[in-house]
Amino acid sequence: MSVETPKVPPSAQITFRVRLRTRWSDEDTQHVLNNAVYSTLFEEARFAYFSKLGLLEDNEFPFLLAQTSVLFLAPGRGGREVEVEVATTHVGTTSCTQAYRVREVETGKVWCEAEARLVGFDPENQRKAPLSEAFRRSIESVEGTSRDPTAAT
């Protein structure tokens, strides 16, 4: 089994960034940021990204997280300010892919790069659902790209 390296665009191509802060209690017994904390950083960054686009209704995502791949590049620390870069790199019919980079503000050191696959979800029927045209248009407006109608979902 091979592990795929997340495909994260260069920082110069990513237009959305959010500053977050790790807590001192986020460190594990080895005095590095516990790996579970990165998922929270991605979630907070996703929330900021989709909030800015006006795509959250009642603070709820119109999708579920289906998959995440993280490449840890340097040990993170608690009690630090970080900048999380977020880019939506693919929009399909029922899913999209986002890329993330977490960088410590003080040192500029990149702690990790990651990708996540987000799948449209219909909570009433509890199943996968197409992403709305409004969702796609909002992503295209911030990312400056259009959806590939022939791409996989």
C-alpha atoms as a PDB file:
ATOM      1  CA  MET A   1       0.000   0.000   0.000  1.00  0.00           C
ATOM      2  CA  SER A   2       1.420   3.359  -0.956  1.00  0.00           C
ATOM      3  CA  VAL A   3       0.553   6.658   0.679  1.00  0.00           C
ATOM      4  CA  GLU A   4      -0.148   9.603  -1.582  1.00  0.00           C
ATOM      5  CA  THR A   5       1.499  12.914  -0.850  1.00  0.00           C
ATOM      6  CA  PRO A   6      -1.062  15.726  -0.604  1.00  0.00           C
ATOM      7  CA  LYS A   7      -1.120  17.941  -3.708  1.00  0.00           C
ATOM      8  CA  VAL A   8      -0.918  21.447  -2.267  1.00  0.00           C
ATOM      9  CA  PRO A   9      -0.408  24.414  -4.601  1.00  0.00           C
ATOM     10  CA  PRO A  10       2.490  26.798  -3.935  1.00  0.00           C
ATOM     11  CA  SER A  11       1.667  29.443  -1.318  1.00  0.00           C
ATOM     12  CA  ALA A  12       1.769  32.190  -3.960  1.00  0.00           C
ATOM     13  CA  GLN A  13      -1.218  30.550  -5.696  1.00  0.00           C
ATOM     14  CA  ILE A  14      -3.358  30.286  -2.545  1.00  0.00           C
ATOM     15  CA  THR A  15      -5.541  33.328  -1.914  1.00  0.00           C
ATOM     16  CA  PHE A  16      -7.266  32.381   1.364  1.00  0.00           C
ATOM     17  CA  ARG A  17      -5.474  32.350   4.705  1.00  0.00           C
ATOM     18  CA  VAL A  18      -6.689  32.361   8.283  1.00  0.00           C
ATOM     19  CA  ARG A  19      -4.736  32.868  11.487  1.00  0.00           C
ATOM     20  CA  LEU A  20      -5.444  30.467  14.316  1.00  0.00           C
ATOM     21  CA  ARG A  21      -3.777  29.667  17.610  1.00  0.00           C
ATOM     22  CA  THR A  22      -2.779  26.329  19.091  1.00  0.00           C
ATOM     23  CA  ARG A  23      -3.209  25.823  22.819  1.00  0.00           C
ATOM     24  CA  TRP A  24      -0.410  24.891  25.167  1.00  0.00           C
ATOM     25  CA  SER A  25      -2.477  21.826  26.112  1.00  0.00           C
ATOM     26  CA  ASP A  26      -2.410  20.661  22.458  1.00  0.00           C
ATOM     27  CA  GLU A  27       1.069  19.202  22.975  1.00  0.00           C
ATOM     28  CA  ASP A  28       1.476  15.511  23.683  1.00  0.00           C
ATOM     29  CA  THR A  29       3.963  13.845  26.037  1.00  0.00           C
ATOM     30  CA  GLN A  30       6.721  14.304  23.445  1.00  0.00           C
ATOM     31  CA  HIS A  31       6.158  18.107  23.615  1.00  0.00           C
ATOM     32  CA  VAL A  32       4.937  18.369  20.032  1.00  0.00           C
ATOM     33  CA  LEU A  33       1.481  19.176  18.700  1.00  0.00           C
ATOM     34  CA  ASN A  34      -0.720  16.103  18.913  1.00  0.00           C
ATOM     35  CA  ASN A  35      -1.654  14.906  15.407  1.00  0.00           C
ATOM     36  CA  ALA A  36      -5.398  15.128  16.162  1.00  0.00           C
ATOM     37  CA  VAL A  37      -5.066  18.905  16.611  1.00  0.00           C
ATOM     38  CA  TYR A  38      -4.292  19.324  12.909  1.00  0.00           C
ATOM     39  CA  SER A  39      -7.774  18.049  12.036  1.00  0.00           C
ATOM     40  CA  THR A  40      -9.224  20.791  14.227  1.00  0.00           C
ATOM     41  CA  LEU A  41      -7.034  23.410  12.519  1.00  0.00           C
ATOM     42  CA  PHE A  42      -8.267  22.227   9.102  1.00  0.00           C
ATOM     43  CA  GLU A  43     -11.881  22.286  10.312  1.00  0.00           C
ATOM     44  CA  GLU A  44     -11.553  25.826  11.677  1.00  0.00           C
ATOM     45  CA  ALA A  45      -9.913  26.949   8.429  1.00  0.00           C
ATOM     46  CA  ARG A  46     -12.690  25.268   6.393  1.00  0.00           C
ATOM     47  CA  PHE A  47     -15.281  27.035   8.524  1.00  0.00           C
ATOM     48  CA  ALA A  48     -13.605  30.429   7.940  1.00  0.00           C
ATOM     49  CA  TYR A  49     -13.276  29.750   4.190  1.00  0.00           C
ATOM     50  CA  PHE A  50     -16.892  28.690   3.636  1.00  0.00           C
ATOM     51  CA  SER A  51     -18.187  31.401   5.995  1.00  0.00           C
ATOM     52  CA  LYS A  52     -16.416  34.042   3.935  1.00  0.00           C
ATOM     53  CA  LEU A  53     -18.091  32.623   0.825  1.00  0.00           C
ATOM     54  CA  GLY A  54     -21.509  32.688   2.505  1.00  0.00           C
ATOM     55  CA  LEU A  55     -21.972  28.948   2.002  1.00  0.00           C
ATOM     56  CA  LEU A  56     -22.871  27.970   5.554  1.00  0.00           C
ATOM     57  CA  GLU A  57     -26.502  27.812   6.544  1.00  0.00           C
ATOM     58  CA  ASP A  58     -27.055  27.879  10.319  1.00  0.00           C
ATOM     59  CA  ASN A  59     -23.283  27.312  10.683  1.00  0.00           C
ATOM     60  CA  GLU A  60     -23.609  23.902   9.008  1.00  0.00           C
ATOM     61  CA  PHE A  61     -21.494  22.560   6.180  1.00  0.00           C
ATOM     62  CA  PRO A  62     -23.378  21.292   3.084  1.00  0.00           C
ATOM     63  CA  PHE A  63     -20.988  18.320   2.960  1.00  0.00           C
ATOM     64  CA  LEU A  64     -19.238  15.696   5.062  1.00  0.00           C
ATOM     65  CA  LEU A  65     -15.524  15.079   5.373  1.00  0.00           C
ATOM     66  CA  ALA A  66     -14.816  11.845   3.503  1.00  0.00           C
ATOM     67  CA  GLN A  67     -11.029  11.639   3.533  1.00  0.00           C
ATOM     68  CA  THR A  68      -7.957  13.502   4.771  1.00  0.00           C
ATOM     69  CA  SER A  69      -4.304  13.010   3.923  1.00  0.00           C
ATOM     70  CA  VAL A  70      -1.671  14.836   5.981  1.00  0.00           C
ATOM     71  CA  LEU A  71       2.065  15.083   5.418  1.00  0.00           C
ATOM     72  CA  PHE A  72       3.792  16.204   8.629  1.00  0.00           C
ATOM     73  CA  LEU A  73       6.866  18.280   7.778  1.00  0.00           C
ATOM     74  CA  ALA A  74       7.986  19.707  11.132  1.00  0.00           C
ATOM     75  CA  PRO A  75       6.843  19.246  14.721  1.00  0.00           C
ATOM     76  CA  GLY A  76       4.211  21.776  15.742  1.00  0.00           C
ATOM     77  CA  ARG A  77       3.976  23.316  19.198  1.00  0.00           C
ATOM     78  CA  GLY A  78       1.218  24.435  21.493  1.00  0.00           C
ATOM     79  CA  GLY A  79       0.614  28.076  22.338  1.00  0.00           C
ATOM     80  CA  ARG A  80       1.647  29.312  18.891  1.00  0.00           C
ATOM     81  CA  GLU A  81      -0.022  31.434  16.230  1.00  0.00           C
ATOM     82  CA  VAL A  82      -0.349  29.625  12.907  1.00  0.00           C
ATOM     83  CA  GLU A  83      -1.509  30.599   9.455  1.00  0.00           C
ATOM     84  CA  VAL A  84      -3.559  28.024   7.588  1.00  0.00           C
ATOM     85  CA  GLU A  85      -3.677  28.366   3.814  1.00  0.00           C
ATOM     86  CA  VAL A  86      -6.788  26.912   2.152  1.00  0.00           C
ATOM     87  CA  ALA A  87      -7.478  26.296  -1.529  1.00  0.00           C
ATOM     88  CA  THR A  88     -10.239  24.346  -3.214  1.00  0.00           C
ATOM     89  CA  THR A  89      -8.341  22.500  -5.923  1.00  0.00           C
ATOM     90  CA  HIS A  90     -11.168  20.489  -7.493  1.00  0.00           C
ATOM     91  CA  VAL A  91     -14.954  20.773  -7.660  1.00  0.00           C
ATOM     92  CA  GLY A  92     -16.928  17.850  -9.013  1.00  0.00           C
ATOM     93  CA  THR A  93     -20.617  17.061  -9.137  1.00  0.00           C
ATOM     94  CA  THR A  94     -20.901  15.631  -5.624  1.00  0.00           C
ATOM     95  CA  SER A  95     -17.516  16.377  -4.056  1.00  0.00           C
ATOM     96  CA  CYS A  96     -14.646  18.819  -3.869  1.00  0.00           C
ATOM     97  CA  THR A  97     -11.035  18.654  -2.770  1.00  0.00           C
ATOM     98  CA  GLN A  98      -9.312  21.182  -0.570  1.00  0.00           C
ATOM     99  CA  ALA A  99      -5.620  21.679   0.112  1.00  0.00           C
ATOM    100  CA  TYR A 100      -4.139  23.074   3.325  1.00  0.00           C
ATOM    101  CA  ARG A 101      -0.779  24.277   4.561  1.00  0.00           C
ATOM    102  CA  VAL A 102      -0.129  25.059   8.234  1.00  0.00           C
ATOM    103  CA  ARG A 103       2.715  27.473   8.908  1.00  0.00           C
ATOM    104  CA  GLU A 104       3.949  28.854  12.241  1.00  0.00           C
ATOM    105  CA  VAL A 105       3.660  32.640  12.039  1.00  0.00           C
ATOM    106  CA  GLU A 106       6.701  33.498  14.173  1.00  0.00           C
ATOM    107  CA  THR A 107       9.226  31.284  12.368  1.00  0.00           C
ATOM    108  CA  GLY A 108       7.554  30.782   8.975  1.00  0.00           C
ATOM    109  CA  LYS A 109       8.178  27.048   9.313  1.00  0.00           C
ATOM    110  CA  VAL A 110       5.644  24.805   7.551  1.00  0.00           C
ATOM    111  CA  TRP A 111       4.336  22.182   9.952  1.00  0.00           C
ATOM    112  CA  CYS A 112       2.228  20.195   7.488  1.00  0.00           C
ATOM    113  CA  GLU A 113       0.448  20.023   4.146  1.00  0.00           C
ATOM    114  CA  ALA A 114      -2.836  18.215   3.666  1.00  0.00           C
ATOM    115  CA  GLU A 115      -5.728  17.432   1.348  1.00  0.00           C
ATOM    116  CA  ALA A 116      -9.330  16.688   2.190  1.00  0.00           C
ATOM    117  CA  ARG A 117     -12.179  15.333   0.103  1.00  0.00           C
ATOM    118  CA  LEU A 118     -15.553  16.831   0.994  1.00  0.00           C
ATOM    119  CA  VAL A 119     -18.720  15.088  -0.206  1.00  0.00           C
ATOM    120  CA  GLY A 120     -22.097  16.798  -0.622  1.00  0.00           C
ATOM    121  CA  PHE A 121     -24.608  15.473   1.891  1.00  0.00           C
ATOM    122  CA  ASP A 122     -28.391  15.462   2.192  1.00  0.00           C
ATOM    123  CA  PRO A 123     -29.071  15.287   5.952  1.00  0.00           C
ATOM    124  CA  GLU A 124     -32.772  14.558   5.478  1.00  0.00           C
ATOM    125  CA  ASN A 125     -32.121  11.413   3.425  1.00  0.00           C
ATOM    126  CA  GLN A 126     -28.742  10.659   5.037  1.00  0.00           C
ATOM    127  CA  ARG A 127     -26.924  10.174   1.754  1.00  0.00           C
ATOM    128  CA  LYS A 128     -24.542  11.723  -0.741  1.00  0.00           C
ATOM    129  CA  ALA A 129     -25.957  14.645  -2.703  1.00  0.00           C
ATOM    130  CA  PRO A 130     -24.837  16.924  -5.545  1.00  0.00           C
ATOM    131  CA  LEU A 131     -23.119  20.175  -4.658  1.00  0.00           C
ATOM    132  CA  SER A 132     -25.337  23.131  -5.542  1.00  0.00           C
ATOM    133  CA  GLU A 133     -24.620  25.433  -8.472  1.00  0.00           C
ATOM    134  CA  ALA A 134     -24.375  28.320  -5.970  1.00  0.00           C
ATOM    135  CA  PHE A 135     -21.706  26.349  -4.119  1.00  0.00           C
ATOM    136  CA  ARG A 136     -19.747  25.761  -7.335  1.00  0.00           C
ATOM    137  CA  ARG A 137     -20.061  29.392  -8.477  1.00  0.00           C
ATOM    138  CA  SER A 138     -18.856  30.699  -5.104  1.00  0.00           C
ATOM    139  CA  ILE A 139     -15.810  28.428  -5.194  1.00  0.00           C
ATOM    140  CA  GLU A 140     -15.044  29.447  -8.778  1.00  0.00           C
ATOM    141  CA  SER A 141     -15.288  33.142  -7.832  1.00  0.00           C
ATOM    142  CA  VAL A 142     -12.721  32.884  -5.048  1.00  0.00           C
ATOM    143  CA  GLU A 143     -10.411  30.389  -6.746  1.00  0.00           C
ATOM    144  CA  GLY A 144     -10.592  31.920 -10.221  1.00  0.00           C
ATOM    145  CA  THR A 145     -11.168  28.553 -11.855  1.00  0.00           C
ATOM    146  CA  SER A 146     -14.127  26.806 -13.370  1.00  0.00           C
ATOM    147  CA  ARG A 147     -15.259  23.285 -12.731  1.00  0.00           C
ATOM    148  CA  ASP A 148     -14.239  20.596 -15.147  1.00  0.00           C
ATOM    149  CA  PRO A 149     -17.548  18.953 -16.151  1.00  0.00           C
ATOM    150  CA  THR A 150     -15.691  15.845 -17.344  1.00  0.00           C
ATOM    151  CA  ALA A 151     -13.788  15.378 -14.069  1.00  0.00           C
ATOM    152  CA  ALA A 152     -14.635  12.628 -11.607  1.00  0.00           C
ATOM    153  CA  THR A 153     -17.006  13.521  -8.820  1.00  0.00           C
END
